[in-house]
PDB file of all heavy atoms in Angstrom:
ATOM      1  N   ALA A   1      88.009 -89.610 114.268  1.00  0.00           N
ATOM      2  CA  ALA A   1      86.836 -88.841 113.836  1.00  0.00           C
ATOM      3  C   ALA A   1      87.237 -87.441 113.393  1.00  0.00           C
ATOM      4  O   ALA A   1      86.771 -86.939 112.357  1.00  0.00           O
ATOM      5  CB  ALA A   1      85.816 -88.766 114.975  1.00  0.00           C
ATOM      6  N   ILE A   2      88.120 -86.778 114.152  1.00  0.00           N
ATOM      7  CA  ILE A   2      88.567 -85.433 113.775  1.00  0.00           C
ATOM      8  C   ILE A   2      89.338 -85.483 112.458  1.00  0.00           C
ATOM      9  O   ILE A   2      89.162 -84.617 111.578  1.00  0.00           O
ATOM     10  CB  ILE A   2      89.435 -84.834 114.897  1.00  0.00           C
ATOM     11  CG1 ILE A   2      88.597 -84.625 116.162  1.00  0.00           C
ATOM     12  CG2 ILE A   2      90.065 -83.514 114.458  1.00  0.00           C
ATOM     13  CD1 ILE A   2      89.395 -84.151 117.361  1.00  0.00           C
ATOM     14  N   GLY A   3      90.198 -86.500 112.286  1.00  0.00           N
ATOM     15  CA  GLY A   3      90.935 -86.632 111.029  1.00  0.00           C
ATOM     16  C   GLY A   3      90.019 -86.874 109.835  1.00  0.00           C
ATOM     17  O   GLY A   3      90.223 -86.302 108.757  1.00  0.00           O
ATOM     18  N   ALA A   4      89.002 -87.713 110.016  1.00  0.00           N
ATOM     19  CA  ALA A   4      88.060 -87.983 108.928  1.00  0.00           C
ATOM     20  C   ALA A   4      87.282 -86.723 108.554  1.00  0.00           C
ATOM     21  O   ALA A   4      87.010 -86.476 107.372  1.00  0.00           O
ATOM     22  CB  ALA A   4      87.100 -89.103 109.343  1.00  0.00           C
ATOM     23  N   ILE A   5      86.921 -85.926 109.555  1.00  0.00           N
ATOM     24  CA  ILE A   5      86.215 -84.666 109.290  1.00  0.00           C
ATOM     25  C   ILE A   5      87.094 -83.730 108.472  1.00  0.00           C
ATOM     26  O   ILE A   5      86.640 -83.090 107.514  1.00  0.00           O
ATOM     27  CB  ILE A   5      85.804 -84.006 110.621  1.00  0.00           C
ATOM     28  CG1 ILE A   5      84.676 -84.796 111.269  1.00  0.00           C
ATOM     29  CG2 ILE A   5      85.381 -82.552 110.412  1.00  0.00           C
ATOM     30  CD1 ILE A   5      84.349 -84.345 112.673  1.00  0.00           C
ATOM     31  N   LEU A   6      88.373 -83.649 108.824  1.00  0.00           N
ATOM     32  CA  LEU A   6      89.304 -82.792 108.097  1.00  0.00           C
ATOM     33  C   LEU A   6      89.412 -83.206 106.630  1.00  0.00           C
ATOM     34  O   LEU A   6      89.351 -82.367 105.723  1.00  0.00           O
ATOM     35  CB  LEU A   6      90.675 -82.846 108.776  1.00  0.00           C
ATOM     36  CG  LEU A   6      91.806 -82.054 108.117  1.00  0.00           C
ATOM     37  CD1 LEU A   6      91.489 -80.567 108.134  1.00  0.00           C
ATOM     38  CD2 LEU A   6      93.130 -82.320 108.819  1.00  0.00           C
ATOM     39  N   VAL A   7      89.576 -84.503 106.379  1.00  0.00           N
ATOM     40  CA  VAL A   7      89.707 -84.995 105.003  1.00  0.00           C
ATOM     41  C   VAL A   7      88.423 -84.756 104.214  1.00  0.00           C
ATOM     42  O   VAL A   7      88.449 -84.311 103.049  1.00  0.00           O
ATOM     43  CB  VAL A   7      90.065 -86.499 105.017  1.00  0.00           C
ATOM     44  CG1 VAL A   7      90.027 -87.069 103.605  1.00  0.00           C
ATOM     45  CG2 VAL A   7      91.430 -86.703 105.652  1.00  0.00           C
ATOM     46  N   TYR A   8      87.273 -85.017 104.841  1.00  0.00           N
ATOM     47  CA  TYR A   8      85.978 -84.829 104.171  1.00  0.00           C
ATOM     48  C   TYR A   8      85.791 -83.382 103.726  1.00  0.00           C
ATOM     49  O   TYR A   8      85.423 -83.106 102.577  1.00  0.00           O
ATOM     50  CB  TYR A   8      84.863 -85.258 105.111  1.00  0.00           C
ATOM     51  CG  TYR A   8      83.491 -84.772 104.712  1.00  0.00           C
ATOM     52  CD1 TYR A   8      82.812 -85.338 103.618  1.00  0.00           C
ATOM     53  CD2 TYR A   8      82.851 -83.750 105.415  1.00  0.00           C
ATOM     54  CE1 TYR A   8      81.554 -84.887 103.246  1.00  0.00           C
ATOM     55  CE2 TYR A   8      81.608 -83.304 105.047  1.00  0.00           C
ATOM     56  CZ  TYR A   8      80.961 -83.877 103.968  1.00  0.00           C
ATOM     57  OH  TYR A   8      79.721 -83.422 103.609  1.00  0.00           O
ATOM     58  N   LEU A   9      86.044 -82.446 104.633  1.00  0.00           N
ATOM     59  CA  LEU A   9      85.839 -81.040 104.294  1.00  0.00           C
ATOM     60  C   LEU A   9      86.888 -80.545 103.307  1.00  0.00           C
ATOM     61  O   LEU A   9      86.620 -79.642 102.509  1.00  0.00           O
ATOM     62  CB  LEU A   9      85.869 -80.188 105.567  1.00  0.00           C
ATOM     63  CG  LEU A   9      84.668 -80.354 106.489  1.00  0.00           C
ATOM     64  CD1 LEU A   9      84.842 -79.531 107.754  1.00  0.00           C
ATOM     65  CD2 LEU A   9      83.394 -79.927 105.780  1.00  0.00           C
ATOM     66  N   TRP A  10      88.074 -81.108 103.336  1.00  0.00           N
ATOM     67  CA  TRP A  10      89.120 -80.705 102.396  1.00  0.00           C
ATOM     68  C   TRP A  10      88.678 -81.027 100.968  1.00  0.00           C
ATOM     69  O   TRP A  10      88.891 -80.237 100.042  1.00  0.00           O
ATOM     70  CB  TRP A  10      90.415 -81.443 102.727  1.00  0.00           C
ATOM     71  CG  TRP A  10      91.641 -80.806 102.129  1.00  0.00           C
ATOM     72  CD1 TRP A  10      91.813 -80.368 100.851  1.00  0.00           C
ATOM     73  CD2 TRP A  10      92.870 -80.538 102.804  1.00  0.00           C
ATOM     74  NE1 TRP A  10      93.061 -79.854 100.687  1.00  0.00           N
ATOM     75  CE2 TRP A  10      93.741 -79.936 101.866  1.00  0.00           C
ATOM     76  CE3 TRP A  10      93.325 -80.757 104.099  1.00  0.00           C
ATOM     77  CZ2 TRP A  10      95.051 -79.564 102.186  1.00  0.00           C
ATOM     78  CZ3 TRP A  10      94.612 -80.380 104.417  1.00  0.00           C
ATOM     79  CH2 TRP A  10      95.456 -79.789 103.475  1.00  0.00           C
ATOM     80  N   PHE A  11      88.045 -82.187 100.779  1.00  0.00           N
ATOM     81  CA  PHE A  11      87.590 -82.570  99.448  1.00  0.00           C
ATOM     82  C   PHE A  11      86.320 -81.822  99.055  1.00  0.00           C
ATOM     83  O   PHE A  11      86.145 -81.447  97.883  1.00  0.00           O
ATOM     84  CB  PHE A  11      87.354 -84.083  99.373  1.00  0.00           C
ATOM     85  CG  PHE A  11      88.606 -84.869  99.178  1.00  0.00           C
ATOM     86  CD1 PHE A  11      89.239 -85.484 100.241  1.00  0.00           C
ATOM     87  CD2 PHE A  11      89.167 -84.999  97.919  1.00  0.00           C
ATOM     88  CE1 PHE A  11      90.405 -86.214 100.079  1.00  0.00           C
ATOM     89  CE2 PHE A  11      90.340 -85.714  97.727  1.00  0.00           C
ATOM     90  CZ  PHE A  11      90.966 -86.330  98.813  1.00  0.00           C
ATOM     91  N   ARG A  12      85.436 -81.580 100.003  1.00  0.00           N
ATOM     92  CA  ARG A  12      84.163 -80.945  99.660  1.00  0.00           C
ATOM     93  C   ARG A  12      84.316 -79.445  99.442  1.00  0.00           C
ATOM     94  O   ARG A  12      83.679 -78.884  98.553  1.00  0.00           O
ATOM     95  CB  ARG A  12      83.137 -81.206 100.767  1.00  0.00           C
ATOM     96  CG  ARG A  12      81.828 -80.486 100.519  1.00  0.00           C
ATOM     97  CD  ARG A  12      80.699 -81.015 101.350  1.00  0.00           C
ATOM     98  NE  ARG A  12      79.473 -80.301 101.079  1.00  0.00           N
ATOM     99  CZ  ARG A  12      78.306 -80.590 101.609  1.00  0.00           C
ATOM    100  NH1 ARG A  12      78.207 -81.604 102.453  1.00  0.00           N
ATOM    101  NH2 ARG A  12      77.228 -79.903 101.315  1.00  0.00           N
ATOM    102  N   PHE A  13      85.132 -78.782 100.247  1.00  0.00           N
ATOM    103  CA  PHE A  13      85.315 -77.338 100.128  1.00  0.00           C
ATOM    104  C   PHE A  13      86.770 -77.050  99.750  1.00  0.00           C
ATOM    105  O   PHE A  13      87.298 -77.653  98.843  1.00  0.00           O
ATOM    106  CB  PHE A  13      84.945 -76.652 101.455  1.00  0.00           C
ATOM    107  CG  PHE A  13      83.509 -76.832 101.851  1.00  0.00           C
ATOM    108  CD1 PHE A  13      83.145 -77.773 102.800  1.00  0.00           C
ATOM    109  CD2 PHE A  13      82.509 -76.056 101.271  1.00  0.00           C
ATOM    110  CE1 PHE A  13      81.823 -77.943 103.165  1.00  0.00           C
ATOM    111  CE2 PHE A  13      81.183 -76.224 101.626  1.00  0.00           C
ATOM    112  CZ  PHE A  13      80.836 -77.167 102.577  1.00  0.00           C
ATOM    113  N   GLU A  14      87.385 -76.110 100.457  1.00  0.00           N
ATOM    114  CA  GLU A  14      88.796 -75.796 100.290  1.00  0.00           C
ATOM    115  C   GLU A  14      89.509 -76.059 101.610  1.00  0.00           C
ATOM    116  O   GLU A  14      88.880 -76.321 102.632  1.00  0.00           O
ATOM    117  CB  GLU A  14      88.961 -74.329  99.871  1.00  0.00           C
ATOM    118  CG  GLU A  14      88.227 -73.976  98.588  1.00  0.00           C
ATOM    119  CD  GLU A  14      88.285 -72.488  98.305  1.00  0.00           C
ATOM    120  OE1 GLU A  14      89.075 -71.784  98.963  1.00  0.00           O
ATOM    121  OE2 GLU A  14      87.549 -72.027  97.437  1.00  0.00           O
ATOM    122  N   TRP A  15      90.839 -75.986 101.575  1.00  0.00           N
ATOM    123  CA  TRP A  15      91.590 -76.327 102.784  1.00  0.00           C
ATOM    124  C   TRP A  15      91.285 -75.349 103.914  1.00  0.00           C
ATOM    125  O   TRP A  15      91.308 -75.726 105.087  1.00  0.00           O
ATOM    126  CB  TRP A  15      93.084 -76.362 102.493  1.00  0.00           C
ATOM    127  CG  TRP A  15      93.699 -75.011 102.195  1.00  0.00           C
ATOM    128  CD1 TRP A  15      93.864 -74.442 100.971  1.00  0.00           C
ATOM    129  CD2 TRP A  15      94.222 -74.091 103.154  1.00  0.00           C
ATOM    130  NE1 TRP A  15      94.449 -73.205 101.109  1.00  0.00           N
ATOM    131  CE2 TRP A  15      94.689 -72.963 102.431  1.00  0.00           C
ATOM    132  CE3 TRP A  15      94.347 -74.102 104.538  1.00  0.00           C
ATOM    133  CZ2 TRP A  15      95.260 -71.864 103.063  1.00  0.00           C
ATOM    134  CZ3 TRP A  15      94.917 -73.010 105.172  1.00  0.00           C
ATOM    135  CH2 TRP A  15      95.373 -71.903 104.439  1.00  0.00           C
ATOM    136  N   GLN A  16      90.966 -74.062 103.572  1.00  0.00           N
ATOM    137  CA  GLN A  16      90.639 -73.104 104.635  1.00  0.00           C
ATOM    138  C   GLN A  16      89.373 -73.510 105.379  1.00  0.00           C
ATOM    139  O   GLN A  16      89.280 -73.376 106.607  1.00  0.00           O
ATOM    140  CB  GLN A  16      90.469 -71.702 104.060  1.00  0.00           C
ATOM    141  CG  GLN A  16      91.734 -71.091 103.485  1.00  0.00           C
ATOM    142  CD  GLN A  16      91.809 -71.264 101.983  1.00  0.00           C
ATOM    143  OE1 GLN A  16      91.292 -72.254 101.448  1.00  0.00           O
ATOM    144  NE2 GLN A  16      92.441 -70.334 101.301  1.00  0.00           N
ATOM    145  N   PHE A  17      88.373 -74.007 104.638  1.00  0.00           N
ATOM    146  CA  PHE A  17      87.129 -74.454 105.267  1.00  0.00           C
ATOM    147  C   PHE A  17      87.390 -75.671 106.158  1.00  0.00           C
ATOM    148  O   PHE A  17      86.836 -75.777 107.262  1.00  0.00           O
ATOM    149  CB  PHE A  17      86.099 -74.804 104.193  1.00  0.00           C
ATOM    150  CG  PHE A  17      85.533 -73.615 103.480  1.00  0.00           C
ATOM    151  CD1 PHE A  17      86.164 -73.093 102.365  1.00  0.00           C
ATOM    152  CD2 PHE A  17      84.359 -73.019 103.908  1.00  0.00           C
ATOM    153  CE1 PHE A  17      85.641 -71.991 101.698  1.00  0.00           C
ATOM    154  CE2 PHE A  17      83.825 -71.924 103.257  1.00  0.00           C
ATOM    155  CZ  PHE A  17      84.476 -71.404 102.153  1.00  0.00           C
ATOM    156  N   ALA A  18      88.224 -76.596 105.672  1.00  0.00           N
ATOM    157  CA  ALA A  18      88.538 -77.785 106.465  1.00  0.00           C
ATOM    158  C   ALA A  18      89.251 -77.406 107.753  1.00  0.00           C
ATOM    159  O   ALA A  18      88.923 -77.914 108.835  1.00  0.00           O
ATOM    160  CB  ALA A  18      89.398 -78.744 105.637  1.00  0.00           C
ATOM    161  N   LEU A  19      90.220 -76.505 107.650  1.00  0.00           N
ATOM    162  CA  LEU A  19      90.953 -76.083 108.844  1.00  0.00           C
ATOM    163  C   LEU A  19      90.046 -75.330 109.809  1.00  0.00           C
ATOM    164  O   LEU A  19      90.110 -75.532 111.031  1.00  0.00           O
ATOM    165  CB  LEU A  19      92.133 -75.202 108.432  1.00  0.00           C
ATOM    166  CG  LEU A  19      93.052 -74.721 109.559  1.00  0.00           C
ATOM    167  CD1 LEU A  19      93.636 -75.910 110.326  1.00  0.00           C
ATOM    168  CD2 LEU A  19      94.167 -73.841 109.010  1.00  0.00           C
ATOM    169  N   GLY A  20      89.183 -74.467 109.276  1.00  0.00           N
ATOM    170  CA  GLY A  20      88.248 -73.731 110.130  1.00  0.00           C
ATOM    171  C   GLY A  20      87.304 -74.652 110.875  1.00  0.00           C
ATOM    172  O   GLY A  20      87.054 -74.470 112.081  1.00  0.00           O
ATOM    173  N   ALA A  21      86.773 -75.656 110.176  1.00  0.00           N
ATOM    174  CA  ALA A  21      85.855 -76.598 110.827  1.00  0.00           C
ATOM    175  C   ALA A  21      86.575 -77.443 111.873  1.00  0.00           C
ATOM    176  O   ALA A  21      86.025 -77.727 112.944  1.00  0.00           O
ATOM    177  CB  ALA A  21      85.210 -77.500 109.780  1.00  0.00           C
ATOM    178  N   MET A  22      87.827 -77.832 111.584  1.00  0.00           N
ATOM    179  CA  MET A  22      88.571 -78.630 112.552  1.00  0.00           C
ATOM    180  C   MET A  22      88.863 -77.814 113.820  1.00  0.00           C
ATOM    181  O   MET A  22      88.742 -78.326 114.939  1.00  0.00           O
ATOM    182  CB  MET A  22      89.888 -79.115 111.935  1.00  0.00           C
ATOM    183  CG  MET A  22      90.622 -80.112 112.822  1.00  0.00           C
ATOM    184  SD  MET A  22      92.230 -80.603 112.179  1.00  0.00           S
ATOM    185  CE  MET A  22      93.136 -79.077 112.393  1.00  0.00           C
ATOM    186  N   ILE A  23      89.242 -76.546 113.648  1.00  0.00           N
ATOM    187  CA  ILE A  23      89.478 -75.692 114.812  1.00  0.00           C
ATOM    188  C   ILE A  23      88.205 -75.550 115.634  1.00  0.00           C
ATOM    189  O   ILE A  23      88.228 -75.613 116.873  1.00  0.00           O
ATOM    190  CB  ILE A  23      89.997 -74.310 114.359  1.00  0.00           C
ATOM    191  CG1 ILE A  23      91.397 -74.445 113.758  1.00  0.00           C
ATOM    192  CG2 ILE A  23      90.014 -73.325 115.525  1.00  0.00           C
ATOM    193  CD1 ILE A  23      91.926 -73.172 113.139  1.00  0.00           C
ATOM    194  N   ALA A  24      87.059 -75.374 114.947  1.00  0.00           N
ATOM    195  CA  ALA A  24      85.784 -75.243 115.654  1.00  0.00           C
ATOM    196  C   ALA A  24      85.440 -76.522 116.417  1.00  0.00           C
ATOM    197  O   ALA A  24      84.969 -76.476 117.564  1.00  0.00           O
ATOM    198  CB  ALA A  24      84.678 -74.902 114.655  1.00  0.00           C
ATOM    199  N   ASN A  25      85.685 -77.677 115.803  1.00  0.00           N
ATOM    200  CA  ASN A  25      85.362 -78.944 116.461  1.00  0.00           C
ATOM    201  C   ASN A  25      86.267 -79.210 117.657  1.00  0.00           C
ATOM    202  O   ASN A  25      85.814 -79.685 118.710  1.00  0.00           O
ATOM    203  CB  ASN A  25      85.466 -80.096 115.461  1.00  0.00           C
ATOM    204  CG  ASN A  25      84.282 -80.167 114.521  1.00  0.00           C
ATOM    205  OD1 ASN A  25      83.193 -79.721 114.856  1.00  0.00           O
ATOM    206  ND2 ASN A  25      84.490 -80.712 113.343  1.00  0.00           N
ATOM    207  N   VAL A  26      87.556 -78.923 117.504  1.00  0.00           N
ATOM    208  CA  VAL A  26      88.474 -79.093 118.639  1.00  0.00           C
ATOM    209  C   VAL A  26      88.089 -78.140 119.764  1.00  0.00           C
ATOM    210  O   VAL A  26      88.152 -78.496 120.953  1.00  0.00           O
ATOM    211  CB  VAL A  26      89.925 -78.855 118.178  1.00  0.00           C
ATOM    212  CG1 VAL A  26      90.870 -78.822 119.372  1.00  0.00           C
ATOM    213  CG2 VAL A  26      90.357 -79.941 117.206  1.00  0.00           C
ATOM    214  N   HIS A  27      87.667 -76.929 119.401  1.00  0.00           N
ATOM    215  CA  HIS A  27      87.186 -75.953 120.394  1.00  0.00           C
ATOM    216  C   HIS A  27      86.003 -76.523 121.176  1.00  0.00           C
ATOM    217  O   HIS A  27      85.944 -76.415 122.406  1.00  0.00           O
ATOM    218  CB  HIS A  27      86.800 -74.662 119.672  1.00  0.00           C
ATOM    219  CG  HIS A  27      86.072 -73.667 120.513  1.00  0.00           C
ATOM    220  ND1 HIS A  27      84.688 -73.610 120.562  1.00  0.00           N
ATOM    221  CD2 HIS A  27      86.512 -72.693 121.339  1.00  0.00           C
ATOM    222  CE1 HIS A  27      84.318 -72.636 121.379  1.00  0.00           C
ATOM    223  NE2 HIS A  27      85.393 -72.074 121.866  1.00  0.00           N
ATOM    224  N   ASP A  28      85.057 -77.157 120.474  1.00  0.00           N
ATOM    225  CA  ASP A  28      83.904 -77.771 121.143  1.00  0.00           C
ATOM    226  C   ASP A  28      84.341 -78.880 122.097  1.00  0.00           C
ATOM    227  O   ASP A  28      83.849 -78.973 123.230  1.00  0.00           O
ATOM    228  CB  ASP A  28      82.933 -78.346 120.106  1.00  0.00           C
ATOM    229  CG  ASP A  28      82.233 -77.260 119.311  1.00  0.00           C
ATOM    230  OD1 ASP A  28      82.298 -76.095 119.727  1.00  0.00           O
ATOM    231  OD2 ASP A  28      81.631 -77.581 118.267  1.00  0.00           O
ATOM    232  N   LEU A  29      85.261 -79.730 121.644  1.00  0.00           N
ATOM    233  CA  LEU A  29      85.718 -80.838 122.491  1.00  0.00           C
ATOM    234  C   LEU A  29      86.441 -80.337 123.733  1.00  0.00           C
ATOM    235  O   LEU A  29      86.211 -80.836 124.840  1.00  0.00           O
ATOM    236  CB  LEU A  29      86.644 -81.755 121.687  1.00  0.00           C
ATOM    237  CG  LEU A  29      86.003 -82.695 120.676  1.00  0.00           C
ATOM    238  CD1 LEU A  29      87.070 -83.563 120.019  1.00  0.00           C
ATOM    239  CD2 LEU A  29      84.958 -83.577 121.330  1.00  0.00           C
ATOM    240  N   VAL A  30      87.310 -79.340 123.556  1.00  0.00           N
ATOM    241  CA  VAL A  30      88.088 -78.832 124.690  1.00  0.00           C
ATOM    242  C   VAL A  30      87.168 -78.238 125.741  1.00  0.00           C
ATOM    243  O   VAL A  30      87.292 -78.520 126.946  1.00  0.00           O
ATOM    244  CB  VAL A  30      89.121 -77.794 124.205  1.00  0.00           C
ATOM    245  CG1 VAL A  30      89.745 -77.055 125.384  1.00  0.00           C
ATOM    246  CG2 VAL A  30      90.210 -78.477 123.387  1.00  0.00           C
ATOM    247  N   LEU A  31      86.206 -77.398 125.318  1.00  0.00           N
ATOM    248  CA  LEU A  31      85.301 -76.784 126.285  1.00  0.00           C
ATOM    249  C   LEU A  31      84.406 -77.825 126.952  1.00  0.00           C
ATOM    250  O   LEU A  31      84.106 -77.721 128.150  1.00  0.00           O
ATOM    251  CB  LEU A  31      84.445 -75.718 125.598  1.00  0.00           C
ATOM    252  CG  LEU A  31      85.174 -74.455 125.109  1.00  0.00           C
ATOM    253  CD1 LEU A  31      84.174 -73.407 124.661  1.00  0.00           C
ATOM    254  CD2 LEU A  31      86.075 -73.883 126.189  1.00  0.00           C
ATOM    255  N   THR A  32      83.983 -78.830 126.190  1.00  0.00           N
ATOM    256  CA  THR A  32      83.137 -79.876 126.776  1.00  0.00           C
ATOM    257  C   THR A  32      83.911 -80.693 127.803  1.00  0.00           C
ATOM    258  O   THR A  32      83.383 -81.017 128.878  1.00  0.00           O
ATOM    259  CB  THR A  32      82.585 -80.796 125.672  1.00  0.00           C
ATOM    260  OG1 THR A  32      81.869 -80.017 124.708  1.00  0.00           O
ATOM    261  CG2 THR A  32      81.647 -81.831 126.258  1.00  0.00           C
ATOM    262  N   LEU A  33      85.163 -81.016 127.511  1.00  0.00           N
ATOM    263  CA  LEU A  33      85.988 -81.751 128.481  1.00  0.00           C
ATOM    264  C   LEU A  33      86.235 -80.903 129.727  1.00  0.00           C
ATOM    265  O   LEU A  33      86.258 -81.423 130.850  1.00  0.00           O
ATOM    266  CB  LEU A  33      87.309 -82.151 127.836  1.00  0.00           C
ATOM    267  CG  LEU A  33      87.240 -83.265 126.784  1.00  0.00           C
ATOM    268  CD1 LEU A  33      88.588 -83.459 126.118  1.00  0.00           C
ATOM    269  CD2 LEU A  33      86.762 -84.571 127.402  1.00  0.00           C
ATOM    270  N   GLY A  34      86.414 -79.585 129.539  1.00  0.00           N
ATOM    271  CA  GLY A  34      86.553 -78.706 130.698  1.00  0.00           C
ATOM    272  C   GLY A  34      85.303 -78.679 131.554  1.00  0.00           C
ATOM    273  O   GLY A  34      85.377 -78.697 132.794  1.00  0.00           O
ATOM    274  N   PHE A  35      84.142 -78.660 130.888  1.00  0.00           N
ATOM    275  CA  PHE A  35      82.866 -78.709 131.614  1.00  0.00           C
ATOM    276  C   PHE A  35      82.722 -80.008 132.391  1.00  0.00           C
ATOM    277  O   PHE A  35      82.312 -80.011 133.563  1.00  0.00           O
ATOM    278  CB  PHE A  35      81.711 -78.554 130.622  1.00  0.00           C
ATOM    279  CG  PHE A  35      80.363 -78.872 131.190  1.00  0.00           C
ATOM    280  CD1 PHE A  35      79.697 -77.962 131.987  1.00  0.00           C
ATOM    281  CD2 PHE A  35      79.750 -80.090 130.924  1.00  0.00           C
ATOM    282  CE1 PHE A  35      78.448 -78.248 132.525  1.00  0.00           C
ATOM    283  CE2 PHE A  35      78.506 -80.396 131.455  1.00  0.00           C
ATOM    284  CZ  PHE A  35      77.854 -79.468 132.251  1.00  0.00           C
ATOM    285  N   MET A  36      83.093 -81.123 131.776  1.00  0.00           N
ATOM    286  CA  MET A  36      82.989 -82.410 132.455  1.00  0.00           C
ATOM    287  C   MET A  36      83.950 -82.482 133.637  1.00  0.00           C
ATOM    288  O   MET A  36      83.656 -83.130 134.646  1.00  0.00           O
ATOM    289  CB  MET A  36      83.270 -83.541 131.469  1.00  0.00           C
ATOM    290  CG  MET A  36      82.272 -83.622 130.326  1.00  0.00           C
ATOM    291  SD  MET A  36      82.634 -84.970 129.185  1.00  0.00           S
ATOM    292  CE  MET A  36      82.190 -86.384 130.193  1.00  0.00           C
ATOM    293  N   SER A  37      85.104 -81.805 133.517  1.00  0.00           N
ATOM    294  CA  SER A  37      86.065 -81.819 134.614  1.00  0.00           C
ATOM    295  C   SER A  37      85.563 -81.017 135.803  1.00  0.00           C
ATOM    296  O   SER A  37      85.640 -81.474 136.947  1.00  0.00           O
ATOM    297  CB  SER A  37      87.407 -81.259 134.128  1.00  0.00           C
ATOM    298  OG  SER A  37      87.956 -82.070 133.103  1.00  0.00           O
ATOM    299  N   ILE A  38      85.049 -79.816 135.538  1.00  0.00           N
ATOM    300  CA  ILE A  38      84.624 -78.962 136.651  1.00  0.00           C
ATOM    301  C   ILE A  38      83.347 -79.472 137.296  1.00  0.00           C
ATOM    302  O   ILE A  38      83.139 -79.312 138.504  1.00  0.00           O
ATOM    303  CB  ILE A  38      84.447 -77.495 136.171  1.00  0.00           C
ATOM    304  CG1 ILE A  38      84.359 -76.560 137.383  1.00  0.00           C
ATOM    305  CG2 ILE A  38      83.216 -77.351 135.288  1.00  0.00           C
ATOM    306  CD1 ILE A  38      84.371 -75.093 137.010  1.00  0.00           C
ATOM    307  N   MET A  39      82.471 -80.130 136.519  1.00  0.00           N
ATOM    308  CA  MET A  39      81.233 -80.672 137.060  1.00  0.00           C
ATOM    309  C   MET A  39      81.396 -82.106 137.557  1.00  0.00           C
ATOM    310  O   MET A  39      80.468 -82.669 138.140  1.00  0.00           O
ATOM    311  CB  MET A  39      80.124 -80.626 136.001  1.00  0.00           C
ATOM    312  CG  MET A  39      79.759 -79.227 135.527  1.00  0.00           C
ATOM    313  SD  MET A  39      79.184 -78.169 136.871  1.00  0.00           S
ATOM    314  CE  MET A  39      77.663 -78.988 137.317  1.00  0.00           C
ATOM    315  N   GLN A  40      82.571 -82.694 137.296  1.00  0.00           N
ATOM    316  CA  GLN A  40      82.872 -84.066 137.716  1.00  0.00           C
ATOM    317  C   GLN A  40      81.827 -85.059 137.205  1.00  0.00           C
ATOM    318  O   GLN A  40      81.380 -85.959 137.926  1.00  0.00           O
ATOM    319  CB  GLN A  40      83.021 -84.155 139.232  1.00  0.00           C
ATOM    320  CG  GLN A  40      84.301 -83.517 139.766  1.00  0.00           C
ATOM    321  CD  GLN A  40      85.553 -84.227 139.288  1.00  0.00           C
ATOM    322  OE1 GLN A  40      85.891 -85.313 139.748  1.00  0.00           O
ATOM    323  NE2 GLN A  40      86.256 -83.607 138.340  1.00  0.00           N
ATOM    324  N   VAL A  41      81.441 -84.875 135.946  1.00  0.00           N
ATOM    325  CA  VAL A  41      80.538 -85.823 135.292  1.00  0.00           C
ATOM    326  C   VAL A  41      81.305 -87.120 135.049  1.00  0.00           C
ATOM    327  O   VAL A  41      82.479 -87.101 134.657  1.00  0.00           O
ATOM    328  CB  VAL A  41      80.020 -85.247 133.960  1.00  0.00           C
ATOM    329  CG1 VAL A  41      79.134 -86.252 133.239  1.00  0.00           C
ATOM    330  CG2 VAL A  41      79.264 -83.948 134.201  1.00  0.00           C
TER     331      VAL A  41
END
């Protein structure tokens, strides 16, 4: 899913936009996994 998002944004915008969106999405996943770990969901 992350790879598909990167390719989609690369074609729709520029590579900077694709990289920025991928960093933002990975940031969301990392923080969410941390939340699930500390709350033991």
